[in-house]
N, C-alpha and C. Protein backbone atom coordinates (compact mmCIF):
# COMPACT_ATOMS: atom_id res chain seq x y z
N UNK A 1 -14.03 31.71 16.73
CA UNK A 1 -13.72 33.14 16.69
C UNK A 1 -14.07 33.71 15.32
N UNK A 2 -14.84 34.79 15.33
CA UNK A 2 -15.20 35.45 14.08
C UNK A 2 -14.45 36.78 14.01
N UNK A 3 -13.79 37.00 12.89
CA UNK A 3 -12.98 38.21 12.73
C UNK A 3 -13.84 39.36 12.23
N UNK A 4 -13.56 40.55 12.75
CA UNK A 4 -14.27 41.74 12.30
C UNK A 4 -13.70 42.20 10.97
N UNK A 5 -14.41 43.12 10.32
CA UNK A 5 -13.93 43.65 9.05
C UNK A 5 -12.58 44.34 9.22
N UNK A 6 -12.41 45.09 10.31
CA UNK A 6 -11.14 45.76 10.57
C UNK A 6 -10.00 44.75 10.73
N UNK A 7 -10.26 43.67 11.44
CA UNK A 7 -9.24 42.64 11.62
C UNK A 7 -8.88 41.99 10.29
N UNK A 8 -9.89 41.75 9.45
CA UNK A 8 -9.63 41.17 8.14
C UNK A 8 -8.79 42.11 7.27
N UNK A 9 -9.07 43.41 7.36
CA UNK A 9 -8.27 44.39 6.62
C UNK A 9 -6.82 44.32 7.07
N UNK A 10 -6.61 44.29 8.38
CA UNK A 10 -5.25 44.22 8.93
C UNK A 10 -4.53 42.96 8.45
N UNK A 11 -5.27 41.85 8.41
CA UNK A 11 -4.68 40.57 8.02
C UNK A 11 -4.31 40.54 6.53
N UNK A 12 -5.16 41.10 5.68
CA UNK A 12 -4.98 40.97 4.24
C UNK A 12 -4.16 42.07 3.58
N UNK A 13 -4.16 43.28 4.15
CA UNK A 13 -3.63 44.44 3.42
C UNK A 13 -2.15 44.28 3.05
N UNK A 14 -1.30 43.89 3.99
CA UNK A 14 0.12 43.77 3.69
C UNK A 14 0.41 42.60 2.73
N UNK A 15 -0.15 41.42 2.98
CA UNK A 15 0.11 40.33 2.03
C UNK A 15 -0.29 40.67 0.58
N UNK A 16 -1.47 41.27 0.39
CA UNK A 16 -1.92 41.60 -0.96
C UNK A 16 -1.05 42.69 -1.57
N UNK A 17 -0.78 43.73 -0.77
CA UNK A 17 -0.01 44.88 -1.26
C UNK A 17 1.37 44.45 -1.73
N UNK A 18 2.04 43.66 -0.91
CA UNK A 18 3.40 43.27 -1.27
C UNK A 18 3.44 42.14 -2.29
N UNK A 19 2.41 41.31 -2.34
CA UNK A 19 2.37 40.26 -3.36
C UNK A 19 2.38 40.85 -4.76
N UNK A 20 1.54 41.86 -4.97
CA UNK A 20 1.47 42.45 -6.30
C UNK A 20 2.62 43.43 -6.56
N UNK A 21 3.10 44.11 -5.50
CA UNK A 21 4.20 45.05 -5.65
C UNK A 21 5.50 44.35 -5.98
N UNK A 22 5.85 43.33 -5.22
CA UNK A 22 7.09 42.60 -5.46
C UNK A 22 7.04 41.88 -6.80
N UNK A 23 5.87 41.38 -7.16
CA UNK A 23 5.70 40.71 -8.46
C UNK A 23 6.11 41.64 -9.60
N UNK A 24 5.58 42.86 -9.59
CA UNK A 24 5.89 43.81 -10.66
C UNK A 24 7.33 44.29 -10.59
N UNK A 25 7.84 44.51 -9.38
CA UNK A 25 9.23 44.93 -9.22
C UNK A 25 10.18 43.88 -9.78
N UNK A 26 9.86 42.61 -9.56
CA UNK A 26 10.71 41.53 -10.05
C UNK A 26 10.79 41.55 -11.58
N UNK A 27 9.65 41.80 -12.24
CA UNK A 27 9.66 41.92 -13.70
C UNK A 27 10.62 43.03 -14.13
N UNK A 28 10.48 44.19 -13.51
CA UNK A 28 11.29 45.34 -13.89
C UNK A 28 12.77 45.12 -13.62
N UNK A 29 13.09 44.49 -12.49
CA UNK A 29 14.49 44.26 -12.11
C UNK A 29 15.18 43.31 -13.09
N UNK A 30 14.50 42.21 -13.44
CA UNK A 30 15.10 41.27 -14.38
C UNK A 30 15.23 41.90 -15.77
N UNK A 31 14.23 42.67 -16.19
CA UNK A 31 14.31 43.37 -17.47
C UNK A 31 15.51 44.32 -17.49
N UNK A 32 15.73 45.03 -16.39
CA UNK A 32 16.86 45.96 -16.28
C UNK A 32 18.17 45.19 -16.39
N UNK A 33 18.26 44.05 -15.72
CA UNK A 33 19.48 43.24 -15.76
C UNK A 33 19.74 42.66 -17.15
N UNK A 34 18.67 42.49 -17.92
CA UNK A 34 18.81 41.92 -19.26
C UNK A 34 18.85 42.99 -20.35
N UNK A 35 18.97 44.27 -19.95
CA UNK A 35 19.23 45.31 -20.93
C UNK A 35 18.15 46.35 -21.15
N UNK A 36 16.96 46.18 -20.57
CA UNK A 36 15.88 47.16 -20.77
C UNK A 36 15.76 48.04 -19.53
N UNK A 37 16.02 49.32 -19.68
CA UNK A 37 15.98 50.23 -18.53
C UNK A 37 14.69 51.04 -18.47
N UNK A 38 13.65 50.61 -19.20
CA UNK A 38 12.39 51.35 -19.23
C UNK A 38 11.79 51.50 -17.83
N UNK A 39 11.65 50.40 -17.12
CA UNK A 39 11.07 50.44 -15.78
C UNK A 39 11.95 51.24 -14.82
N UNK A 40 13.26 51.12 -14.99
CA UNK A 40 14.20 51.86 -14.13
C UNK A 40 14.03 53.36 -14.31
N UNK A 41 13.93 53.81 -15.55
CA UNK A 41 13.77 55.24 -15.83
C UNK A 41 12.46 55.79 -15.28
N UNK A 42 11.45 54.92 -15.20
CA UNK A 42 10.14 55.35 -14.69
C UNK A 42 10.03 55.20 -13.18
N UNK A 43 11.11 54.76 -12.52
CA UNK A 43 11.10 54.59 -11.07
C UNK A 43 10.26 53.43 -10.60
N UNK A 44 10.10 52.41 -11.45
CA UNK A 44 9.24 51.29 -11.10
C UNK A 44 9.99 50.10 -10.48
N UNK A 45 11.32 50.17 -10.44
CA UNK A 45 12.06 49.09 -9.78
C UNK A 45 12.24 49.49 -8.32
N UNK A 46 11.18 49.40 -7.59
CA UNK A 46 11.15 49.82 -6.19
C UNK A 46 10.08 49.04 -5.44
N UNK A 47 10.31 48.87 -4.14
CA UNK A 47 9.33 48.20 -3.30
C UNK A 47 8.35 49.21 -2.68
N UNK A 48 8.44 50.46 -3.10
CA UNK A 48 7.49 51.47 -2.65
C UNK A 48 6.13 51.19 -3.32
N UNK A 49 5.14 50.74 -2.55
CA UNK A 49 3.84 50.35 -3.15
C UNK A 49 3.17 51.46 -3.93
N UNK A 50 3.42 52.71 -3.53
CA UNK A 50 2.76 53.85 -4.18
C UNK A 50 3.08 53.89 -5.67
N UNK A 51 4.29 53.48 -6.03
CA UNK A 51 4.72 53.51 -7.42
C UNK A 51 3.97 52.48 -8.28
N UNK A 52 3.39 51.48 -7.63
CA UNK A 52 2.77 50.38 -8.37
C UNK A 52 1.25 50.34 -8.24
N UNK A 53 0.68 51.24 -7.45
CA UNK A 53 -0.75 51.18 -7.18
C UNK A 53 -1.58 51.48 -8.43
N UNK A 54 -2.53 50.60 -8.69
CA UNK A 54 -3.55 50.82 -9.70
C UNK A 54 -4.86 51.04 -8.92
N UNK A 55 -5.50 52.16 -9.14
CA UNK A 55 -6.65 52.53 -8.31
C UNK A 55 -7.73 51.45 -8.31
N UNK A 56 -8.01 50.87 -9.47
CA UNK A 56 -9.03 49.83 -9.53
C UNK A 56 -8.53 48.52 -8.93
N UNK A 57 -7.38 48.05 -9.41
CA UNK A 57 -6.91 46.72 -9.03
C UNK A 57 -6.29 46.63 -7.65
N UNK A 58 -5.73 47.75 -7.15
CA UNK A 58 -5.03 47.72 -5.86
C UNK A 58 -5.88 48.27 -4.72
N UNK A 59 -6.86 49.11 -5.05
CA UNK A 59 -7.64 49.78 -3.99
C UNK A 59 -9.11 49.39 -4.05
N UNK A 60 -9.79 49.71 -5.15
CA UNK A 60 -11.24 49.57 -5.22
C UNK A 60 -11.67 48.10 -5.18
N UNK A 61 -11.13 47.28 -6.09
CA UNK A 61 -11.55 45.88 -6.16
C UNK A 61 -11.24 45.10 -4.89
N UNK A 62 -10.01 45.18 -4.33
CA UNK A 62 -9.75 44.45 -3.08
C UNK A 62 -10.66 44.87 -1.94
N UNK A 63 -10.98 46.18 -1.86
CA UNK A 63 -11.85 46.66 -0.79
C UNK A 63 -13.26 46.09 -0.95
N UNK A 64 -13.80 46.13 -2.18
CA UNK A 64 -15.13 45.60 -2.43
C UNK A 64 -15.19 44.10 -2.16
N UNK A 65 -14.15 43.37 -2.58
CA UNK A 65 -14.13 41.93 -2.36
C UNK A 65 -14.07 41.59 -0.88
N UNK A 66 -13.33 42.39 -0.12
CA UNK A 66 -13.23 42.15 1.32
C UNK A 66 -14.60 42.33 1.98
N UNK A 67 -15.32 43.37 1.57
CA UNK A 67 -16.64 43.65 2.15
C UNK A 67 -17.65 42.56 1.76
N UNK A 68 -17.57 42.11 0.49
CA UNK A 68 -18.55 41.16 -0.02
C UNK A 68 -18.26 39.72 0.39
N UNK A 69 -16.97 39.34 0.31
CA UNK A 69 -16.65 37.91 0.45
C UNK A 69 -15.60 37.58 1.50
N UNK A 70 -14.98 38.59 2.11
CA UNK A 70 -13.89 38.39 3.06
C UNK A 70 -12.61 37.90 2.39
N UNK A 71 -12.61 37.79 1.07
CA UNK A 71 -11.41 37.41 0.33
C UNK A 71 -10.93 38.61 -0.46
N UNK A 72 -9.62 38.75 -0.57
CA UNK A 72 -9.04 39.90 -1.24
C UNK A 72 -8.21 39.46 -2.44
N UNK A 73 -8.40 40.14 -3.55
CA UNK A 73 -7.60 39.87 -4.74
C UNK A 73 -7.43 41.19 -5.48
N UNK A 74 -6.34 41.32 -6.22
CA UNK A 74 -6.13 42.55 -6.96
C UNK A 74 -4.90 42.47 -7.83
N UNK A 75 -4.52 43.62 -8.38
CA UNK A 75 -3.33 43.68 -9.22
C UNK A 75 -2.72 45.07 -9.13
N UNK A 76 -1.48 45.18 -9.57
CA UNK A 76 -0.80 46.47 -9.61
C UNK A 76 -0.68 46.93 -11.06
N UNK A 77 -0.18 48.15 -11.26
CA UNK A 77 0.08 48.61 -12.62
C UNK A 77 1.19 47.76 -13.22
N UNK A 78 0.97 47.20 -14.40
CA UNK A 78 2.04 46.39 -15.03
C UNK A 78 3.30 47.22 -15.25
N UNK A 79 4.44 46.61 -14.98
CA UNK A 79 5.71 47.28 -15.24
C UNK A 79 5.97 47.24 -16.75
N UNK A 80 6.24 48.40 -17.36
CA UNK A 80 6.48 48.42 -18.81
C UNK A 80 7.82 47.77 -19.15
N UNK A 81 7.79 46.90 -20.15
CA UNK A 81 9.02 46.25 -20.61
C UNK A 81 9.10 46.39 -22.12
N UNK A 82 10.23 46.90 -22.60
CA UNK A 82 10.49 47.01 -24.03
C UNK A 82 11.33 45.80 -24.43
N UNK A 83 10.65 44.77 -24.93
CA UNK A 83 11.34 43.51 -25.21
C UNK A 83 12.42 43.65 -26.27
N UNK A 84 12.30 44.66 -27.13
CA UNK A 84 13.30 44.84 -28.19
C UNK A 84 14.65 45.29 -27.62
N UNK A 85 14.64 45.82 -26.40
CA UNK A 85 15.88 46.26 -25.78
C UNK A 85 16.62 45.15 -25.04
N UNK A 86 15.98 44.03 -24.85
CA UNK A 86 16.60 42.93 -24.13
C UNK A 86 17.76 42.36 -24.94
N UNK A 87 18.76 41.85 -24.24
CA UNK A 87 19.96 41.34 -24.90
C UNK A 87 19.63 40.19 -25.85
N UNK A 88 18.76 39.32 -25.40
CA UNK A 88 18.30 38.19 -26.23
C UNK A 88 16.78 38.16 -26.07
N UNK A 89 16.05 38.92 -26.91
CA UNK A 89 14.62 39.14 -26.70
C UNK A 89 13.79 37.89 -26.45
N UNK A 90 13.98 36.85 -27.23
CA UNK A 90 13.16 35.64 -27.07
C UNK A 90 13.42 34.96 -25.74
N UNK A 91 14.69 34.75 -25.43
CA UNK A 91 15.04 34.07 -24.18
C UNK A 91 14.75 34.95 -22.98
N UNK A 92 15.14 36.22 -23.07
CA UNK A 92 15.00 37.11 -21.92
C UNK A 92 13.55 37.44 -21.62
N UNK A 93 12.69 37.39 -22.63
CA UNK A 93 11.26 37.58 -22.38
C UNK A 93 10.76 36.53 -21.40
N UNK A 94 11.22 35.28 -21.56
CA UNK A 94 10.82 34.21 -20.65
C UNK A 94 11.35 34.47 -19.25
N UNK A 95 12.60 34.96 -19.16
CA UNK A 95 13.18 35.23 -17.84
C UNK A 95 12.44 36.36 -17.13
N UNK A 96 12.10 37.40 -17.88
CA UNK A 96 11.35 38.52 -17.30
C UNK A 96 9.98 38.06 -16.83
N UNK A 97 9.32 37.25 -17.65
CA UNK A 97 7.99 36.75 -17.29
C UNK A 97 8.05 35.84 -16.08
N UNK A 98 9.05 34.96 -16.04
CA UNK A 98 9.18 34.00 -14.95
C UNK A 98 9.48 34.69 -13.62
N UNK A 99 10.08 35.87 -13.67
CA UNK A 99 10.46 36.58 -12.45
C UNK A 99 9.27 36.87 -11.55
N UNK A 100 8.11 37.17 -12.14
CA UNK A 100 6.93 37.49 -11.34
C UNK A 100 6.45 36.31 -10.51
N UNK A 101 6.10 35.18 -11.14
CA UNK A 101 5.69 34.01 -10.37
C UNK A 101 6.76 33.51 -9.40
N UNK A 102 8.04 33.62 -9.81
CA UNK A 102 9.12 33.20 -8.92
C UNK A 102 9.14 34.05 -7.65
N UNK A 103 8.88 35.35 -7.79
CA UNK A 103 8.84 36.23 -6.62
C UNK A 103 7.68 35.86 -5.71
N UNK A 104 6.56 35.44 -6.30
CA UNK A 104 5.42 35.01 -5.48
C UNK A 104 5.73 33.73 -4.72
N UNK A 105 6.49 32.83 -5.34
CA UNK A 105 6.91 31.62 -4.64
C UNK A 105 7.80 31.95 -3.46
N UNK A 106 8.75 32.86 -3.66
CA UNK A 106 9.64 33.25 -2.58
C UNK A 106 8.87 33.94 -1.45
N UNK A 107 7.87 34.77 -1.82
CA UNK A 107 7.07 35.42 -0.78
C UNK A 107 6.19 34.43 -0.03
N UNK A 108 5.71 33.39 -0.73
CA UNK A 108 4.94 32.35 -0.04
C UNK A 108 5.81 31.66 1.00
N UNK A 109 7.07 31.42 0.65
CA UNK A 109 8.02 30.81 1.60
C UNK A 109 8.25 31.76 2.78
N UNK A 110 8.40 33.05 2.48
CA UNK A 110 8.59 34.04 3.55
C UNK A 110 7.41 34.03 4.52
N UNK A 111 6.19 34.05 3.97
CA UNK A 111 5.01 34.06 4.83
C UNK A 111 4.85 32.74 5.59
N UNK A 112 5.33 31.64 5.00
CA UNK A 112 5.31 30.35 5.71
C UNK A 112 6.21 30.41 6.94
N UNK A 113 7.34 31.11 6.82
CA UNK A 113 8.23 31.29 7.97
C UNK A 113 7.54 32.14 9.04
N UNK A 114 6.82 33.17 8.61
CA UNK A 114 6.08 34.01 9.55
C UNK A 114 5.05 33.18 10.31
N UNK A 115 4.37 32.28 9.60
CA UNK A 115 3.39 31.40 10.25
C UNK A 115 4.06 30.55 11.32
N UNK A 116 5.22 29.99 11.00
CA UNK A 116 5.92 29.14 11.96
C UNK A 116 6.39 29.94 13.18
N UNK A 117 6.83 31.17 12.95
CA UNK A 117 7.21 32.04 14.08
C UNK A 117 6.00 32.29 14.96
N UNK A 118 4.85 32.50 14.32
CA UNK A 118 3.62 32.72 15.08
C UNK A 118 3.28 31.53 15.96
N UNK A 119 3.37 30.32 15.39
CA UNK A 119 3.05 29.13 16.18
C UNK A 119 4.04 28.93 17.33
N UNK A 120 5.32 29.20 17.06
CA UNK A 120 6.35 28.99 18.09
C UNK A 120 6.22 29.96 19.26
N UNK A 121 5.69 31.15 19.00
CA UNK A 121 5.59 32.17 20.04
C UNK A 121 4.18 32.35 20.58
N UNK A 122 3.22 31.57 20.06
CA UNK A 122 1.82 31.78 20.41
C UNK A 122 1.55 31.59 21.90
N UNK A 123 2.16 30.59 22.50
CA UNK A 123 1.90 30.31 23.91
C UNK A 123 2.36 31.46 24.81
N UNK A 124 3.50 32.08 24.48
CA UNK A 124 4.03 33.18 25.28
C UNK A 124 3.40 34.52 24.91
N UNK A 125 3.06 34.68 23.64
CA UNK A 125 2.50 35.95 23.16
C UNK A 125 1.24 35.65 22.33
N UNK A 126 0.09 35.56 22.97
CA UNK A 126 -1.15 35.19 22.27
C UNK A 126 -1.49 36.05 21.06
N UNK A 127 -1.06 37.32 21.07
CA UNK A 127 -1.38 38.20 19.95
C UNK A 127 -0.68 37.78 18.65
N UNK A 128 0.32 36.90 18.76
CA UNK A 128 0.99 36.44 17.54
C UNK A 128 0.06 35.55 16.70
N UNK A 129 -1.13 35.29 17.19
CA UNK A 129 -2.12 34.59 16.37
C UNK A 129 -2.36 35.35 15.08
N UNK A 130 -2.21 36.69 15.15
CA UNK A 130 -2.42 37.49 13.95
C UNK A 130 -1.26 37.33 12.96
N UNK A 131 -0.06 36.95 13.45
CA UNK A 131 1.02 36.59 12.53
C UNK A 131 0.65 35.33 11.75
N UNK A 132 0.01 34.41 12.44
CA UNK A 132 -0.42 33.17 11.79
C UNK A 132 -1.49 33.46 10.74
N UNK A 133 -2.45 34.31 11.11
CA UNK A 133 -3.50 34.68 10.16
C UNK A 133 -2.91 35.41 8.95
N UNK A 134 -2.06 36.41 9.21
CA UNK A 134 -1.48 37.21 8.14
C UNK A 134 -0.57 36.36 7.26
N UNK A 135 0.23 35.51 7.90
CA UNK A 135 1.11 34.63 7.13
C UNK A 135 0.32 33.67 6.26
N UNK A 136 -0.79 33.15 6.78
CA UNK A 136 -1.63 32.25 6.01
C UNK A 136 -2.24 32.97 4.80
N UNK A 137 -2.68 34.21 5.02
CA UNK A 137 -3.20 35.02 3.91
C UNK A 137 -2.10 35.27 2.89
N UNK A 138 -0.88 35.52 3.38
CA UNK A 138 0.25 35.77 2.48
C UNK A 138 0.58 34.56 1.63
N UNK A 139 0.58 33.38 2.24
CA UNK A 139 0.84 32.15 1.47
C UNK A 139 -0.23 31.99 0.39
N UNK A 140 -1.48 32.20 0.77
CA UNK A 140 -2.59 31.93 -0.15
C UNK A 140 -2.62 32.90 -1.32
N UNK A 141 -2.48 34.19 -1.06
CA UNK A 141 -2.56 35.17 -2.14
C UNK A 141 -1.38 35.02 -3.09
N UNK A 142 -0.20 34.69 -2.55
CA UNK A 142 0.96 34.49 -3.43
C UNK A 142 0.83 33.20 -4.23
N UNK A 143 0.23 32.18 -3.64
CA UNK A 143 -0.01 30.95 -4.40
C UNK A 143 -0.97 31.21 -5.55
N UNK A 144 -2.01 32.01 -5.30
CA UNK A 144 -2.97 32.35 -6.35
C UNK A 144 -2.29 33.11 -7.49
N UNK A 145 -1.51 34.13 -7.13
CA UNK A 145 -0.86 34.94 -8.16
C UNK A 145 0.16 34.11 -8.95
N UNK A 146 0.88 33.22 -8.26
CA UNK A 146 1.86 32.38 -8.94
C UNK A 146 1.18 31.47 -9.95
N UNK A 147 0.17 30.74 -9.50
CA UNK A 147 -0.50 29.77 -10.37
C UNK A 147 -1.25 30.49 -11.50
N UNK A 148 -1.97 31.56 -11.17
CA UNK A 148 -2.72 32.31 -12.18
C UNK A 148 -1.80 32.81 -13.28
N UNK A 149 -0.67 33.41 -12.89
CA UNK A 149 0.22 34.01 -13.87
C UNK A 149 0.99 32.98 -14.68
N UNK A 150 1.02 31.73 -14.23
CA UNK A 150 1.69 30.68 -15.00
C UNK A 150 0.77 30.03 -16.02
N UNK A 151 -0.51 30.41 -16.04
CA UNK A 151 -1.40 29.87 -17.06
C UNK A 151 -0.88 30.28 -18.45
N UNK A 152 -0.86 29.36 -19.40
CA UNK A 152 -0.29 29.66 -20.73
C UNK A 152 -1.22 30.48 -21.60
N UNK A 153 -1.64 31.62 -21.07
CA UNK A 153 -2.56 32.50 -21.79
C UNK A 153 -1.93 33.89 -21.87
N UNK A 154 -1.75 34.41 -23.07
CA UNK A 154 -1.27 35.78 -23.21
C UNK A 154 -2.38 36.74 -22.80
N UNK A 155 -2.08 37.83 -22.07
CA UNK A 155 -0.75 38.37 -21.78
C UNK A 155 -0.17 37.95 -20.43
N UNK A 156 -0.64 36.86 -19.84
CA UNK A 156 -0.11 36.41 -18.56
C UNK A 156 1.34 35.95 -18.73
N UNK A 157 2.04 35.86 -17.60
CA UNK A 157 3.45 35.47 -17.65
C UNK A 157 3.65 34.09 -18.28
N UNK A 158 2.75 33.17 -17.98
CA UNK A 158 2.84 31.85 -18.57
C UNK A 158 2.74 31.90 -20.09
N UNK A 159 1.92 32.81 -20.59
CA UNK A 159 1.81 33.00 -22.04
C UNK A 159 3.10 33.52 -22.63
N UNK A 160 3.76 34.45 -21.93
CA UNK A 160 5.04 34.99 -22.40
C UNK A 160 6.10 33.89 -22.43
N UNK A 161 6.09 33.06 -21.39
CA UNK A 161 7.06 31.97 -21.33
C UNK A 161 6.84 30.99 -22.47
N UNK A 162 5.58 30.62 -22.70
CA UNK A 162 5.27 29.69 -23.78
C UNK A 162 5.66 30.29 -25.13
N UNK A 163 5.39 31.57 -25.33
CA UNK A 163 5.77 32.25 -26.58
C UNK A 163 7.26 32.13 -26.82
N UNK A 164 8.05 32.30 -25.77
CA UNK A 164 9.51 32.24 -25.91
C UNK A 164 10.01 30.84 -26.22
N UNK A 165 9.26 29.84 -25.80
CA UNK A 165 9.69 28.45 -25.99
C UNK A 165 9.25 27.88 -27.34
N UNK A 166 8.21 28.44 -27.93
CA UNK A 166 7.69 27.92 -29.19
C UNK A 166 8.62 28.25 -30.35
N UNK A 167 8.65 27.41 -31.38
CA UNK A 167 9.36 27.77 -32.61
C UNK A 167 8.82 29.09 -33.16
N UNK A 168 9.64 29.80 -33.88
CA UNK A 168 9.29 31.16 -34.32
C UNK A 168 7.96 31.23 -35.05
N UNK A 169 7.72 30.29 -35.97
CA UNK A 169 6.47 30.34 -36.75
C UNK A 169 5.25 30.13 -35.85
N UNK A 170 5.34 29.14 -34.95
CA UNK A 170 4.23 28.89 -34.04
C UNK A 170 4.05 30.06 -33.07
N UNK A 171 5.16 30.62 -32.63
CA UNK A 171 5.09 31.76 -31.70
C UNK A 171 4.38 32.94 -32.34
N UNK A 172 4.63 33.15 -33.63
CA UNK A 172 3.99 34.27 -34.34
C UNK A 172 2.48 34.09 -34.38
N UNK A 173 2.03 32.87 -34.67
CA UNK A 173 0.59 32.59 -34.69
C UNK A 173 0.00 32.68 -33.28
N UNK A 174 0.75 32.18 -32.30
CA UNK A 174 0.28 32.21 -30.91
C UNK A 174 0.11 33.64 -30.42
N UNK A 175 1.02 34.53 -30.82
CA UNK A 175 0.96 35.93 -30.39
C UNK A 175 -0.31 36.61 -30.86
N UNK A 176 -0.89 36.13 -31.96
CA UNK A 176 -2.11 36.73 -32.48
C UNK A 176 -3.32 36.48 -31.57
N UNK A 177 -3.16 35.54 -30.62
CA UNK A 177 -4.26 35.23 -29.71
C UNK A 177 -4.30 36.18 -28.50
N UNK A 178 -3.27 37.01 -28.35
CA UNK A 178 -3.18 37.85 -27.15
C UNK A 178 -4.41 38.74 -26.94
N UNK A 179 -4.97 39.36 -27.98
CA UNK A 179 -6.16 40.21 -27.76
C UNK A 179 -7.34 39.47 -27.14
N UNK A 180 -7.35 38.13 -27.26
CA UNK A 180 -8.47 37.35 -26.74
C UNK A 180 -8.18 36.77 -25.34
N UNK A 181 -6.95 36.99 -24.85
CA UNK A 181 -6.56 36.39 -23.58
C UNK A 181 -7.42 36.82 -22.41
N UNK A 182 -7.66 38.11 -22.29
CA UNK A 182 -8.46 38.60 -21.17
C UNK A 182 -9.91 38.14 -21.28
N UNK A 183 -10.40 38.00 -22.53
CA UNK A 183 -11.75 37.50 -22.73
C UNK A 183 -11.85 36.06 -22.25
N UNK A 184 -10.84 35.26 -22.56
CA UNK A 184 -10.81 33.87 -22.10
C UNK A 184 -10.82 33.80 -20.58
N UNK A 185 -9.99 34.65 -19.95
CA UNK A 185 -9.94 34.67 -18.49
C UNK A 185 -11.28 35.08 -17.90
N UNK A 186 -11.92 36.07 -18.52
CA UNK A 186 -13.22 36.54 -18.03
C UNK A 186 -14.26 35.44 -18.13
N UNK A 187 -14.25 34.71 -19.24
CA UNK A 187 -15.21 33.61 -19.41
C UNK A 187 -14.96 32.53 -18.37
N UNK A 188 -13.69 32.18 -18.16
CA UNK A 188 -13.35 31.18 -17.15
C UNK A 188 -13.80 31.62 -15.76
N UNK A 189 -13.63 32.92 -15.48
CA UNK A 189 -14.02 33.45 -14.17
C UNK A 189 -15.53 33.40 -14.00
N UNK A 190 -16.27 33.81 -15.02
CA UNK A 190 -17.73 33.89 -14.92
C UNK A 190 -18.38 32.51 -14.87
N UNK A 191 -17.76 31.53 -15.52
CA UNK A 191 -18.32 30.18 -15.54
C UNK A 191 -17.84 29.32 -14.38
N UNK A 192 -16.91 29.85 -13.59
CA UNK A 192 -16.36 29.08 -12.48
C UNK A 192 -15.21 28.17 -12.89
N UNK A 193 -14.89 28.15 -14.19
CA UNK A 193 -13.81 27.29 -14.66
C UNK A 193 -12.46 27.68 -14.11
N UNK A 194 -12.26 28.98 -13.88
CA UNK A 194 -10.97 29.44 -13.37
C UNK A 194 -10.70 28.86 -11.99
N UNK A 195 -11.75 28.77 -11.18
CA UNK A 195 -11.59 28.20 -9.85
C UNK A 195 -11.17 26.74 -9.89
N UNK A 196 -11.77 25.97 -10.84
CA UNK A 196 -11.41 24.56 -10.98
C UNK A 196 -9.95 24.40 -11.40
N UNK A 197 -9.48 25.34 -12.23
CA UNK A 197 -8.10 25.27 -12.70
C UNK A 197 -7.12 25.67 -11.59
N UNK A 198 -7.45 26.74 -10.87
CA UNK A 198 -6.52 27.31 -9.90
C UNK A 198 -6.53 26.60 -8.55
N UNK A 199 -7.72 26.20 -8.09
CA UNK A 199 -7.84 25.75 -6.71
C UNK A 199 -6.95 24.57 -6.33
N UNK A 200 -6.89 23.48 -7.13
CA UNK A 200 -6.05 22.36 -6.71
C UNK A 200 -4.58 22.72 -6.49
N UNK A 201 -3.88 23.35 -7.48
CA UNK A 201 -2.48 23.69 -7.22
C UNK A 201 -2.30 24.75 -6.14
N UNK A 202 -3.26 25.68 -6.03
CA UNK A 202 -3.16 26.71 -4.99
C UNK A 202 -3.27 26.09 -3.60
N UNK A 203 -4.25 25.20 -3.42
CA UNK A 203 -4.41 24.55 -2.12
C UNK A 203 -3.23 23.65 -1.79
N UNK A 204 -2.69 22.96 -2.78
CA UNK A 204 -1.51 22.12 -2.54
C UNK A 204 -0.34 22.98 -2.09
N UNK A 205 -0.14 24.11 -2.74
CA UNK A 205 0.95 25.02 -2.35
C UNK A 205 0.72 25.55 -0.94
N UNK A 206 -0.52 25.94 -0.67
CA UNK A 206 -0.87 26.49 0.64
C UNK A 206 -0.63 25.47 1.75
N UNK A 207 -1.09 24.25 1.56
CA UNK A 207 -0.93 23.22 2.59
C UNK A 207 0.52 22.79 2.72
N UNK A 208 1.24 22.70 1.61
CA UNK A 208 2.65 22.32 1.64
C UNK A 208 3.47 23.35 2.41
N UNK A 209 3.05 24.63 2.33
CA UNK A 209 3.77 25.71 3.01
C UNK A 209 3.39 25.82 4.48
N UNK A 210 2.52 24.95 4.96
CA UNK A 210 2.18 24.95 6.37
C UNK A 210 0.85 25.59 6.71
N UNK A 211 0.04 25.91 5.72
CA UNK A 211 -1.27 26.48 5.99
C UNK A 211 -2.26 25.42 6.44
N UNK A 212 -3.37 25.85 6.98
CA UNK A 212 -4.40 24.91 7.43
C UNK A 212 -5.76 25.37 6.94
N UNK A 213 -6.66 24.41 6.71
CA UNK A 213 -8.00 24.74 6.26
C UNK A 213 -8.76 25.53 7.32
N UNK A 214 -8.51 25.24 8.58
CA UNK A 214 -9.22 25.94 9.66
C UNK A 214 -8.96 27.43 9.61
N UNK A 215 -7.69 27.80 9.47
CA UNK A 215 -7.33 29.22 9.41
C UNK A 215 -7.81 29.83 8.10
N UNK A 216 -7.70 29.07 7.01
CA UNK A 216 -8.15 29.58 5.71
C UNK A 216 -9.65 29.89 5.74
N UNK A 217 -10.42 29.02 6.34
CA UNK A 217 -11.86 29.26 6.46
C UNK A 217 -12.14 30.50 7.31
N UNK A 218 -11.32 30.70 8.33
CA UNK A 218 -11.52 31.83 9.24
C UNK A 218 -11.24 33.15 8.53
N UNK A 219 -10.13 33.22 7.80
CA UNK A 219 -9.79 34.49 7.16
C UNK A 219 -10.61 34.73 5.90
N UNK A 220 -11.26 33.67 5.38
CA UNK A 220 -12.21 33.86 4.28
C UNK A 220 -13.59 34.21 4.80
N UNK A 221 -13.89 33.76 6.02
CA UNK A 221 -15.20 34.05 6.58
C UNK A 221 -16.25 33.03 6.22
N UNK A 222 -15.91 32.02 5.41
CA UNK A 222 -16.87 30.97 5.09
C UNK A 222 -16.10 29.71 4.75
N UNK A 223 -16.73 28.54 4.90
CA UNK A 223 -16.01 27.29 4.71
C UNK A 223 -15.54 27.10 3.27
N UNK A 224 -14.40 26.42 3.14
CA UNK A 224 -13.87 26.07 1.82
C UNK A 224 -14.26 24.62 1.56
């Protein structure tokens, strides 16, 4: 079975939209709980996707990637966090950063449940095959966002966590590398190195959550 572009849009749109939306909301919610109300005042602690949409990362790039490769990836507007307002800035920075990947893990589990519901009801309701497809896409995109954001590169969440764990002197020197973080990621992406780093843990997470290569190949449109 080959999926049409419209079917692929239906399968990917909700998983991608909520993966990036919940990720950013989680950052803002934990920051609010730890003393920073910046995101709250801006109305960013919400599951309303409109509040988090970045025109390039949430709309243009995912659409182009779907047309070109059948795979969708993107990002939302980062939730602003004033680390100086946190009750314990060094420790709470790590908690705020960890909230994003943790939310992606929870969403991967949610989508894994959707996949199982799809399989259990497939015989009686054949259209639930799309629950299986959508759930598989949800597991995969959340696994990607979780693993990517845990890379120890500033300004990614993993970089924030590492900064919080390092001794103060080392953390100060490490923070100076932040302007080069996106350049490093771009180089890894262009050379294919990012795929080598991300693919093994992402596939392990996907398969552990009940995904299958057959469905993954189908919703990607080409073999993995």
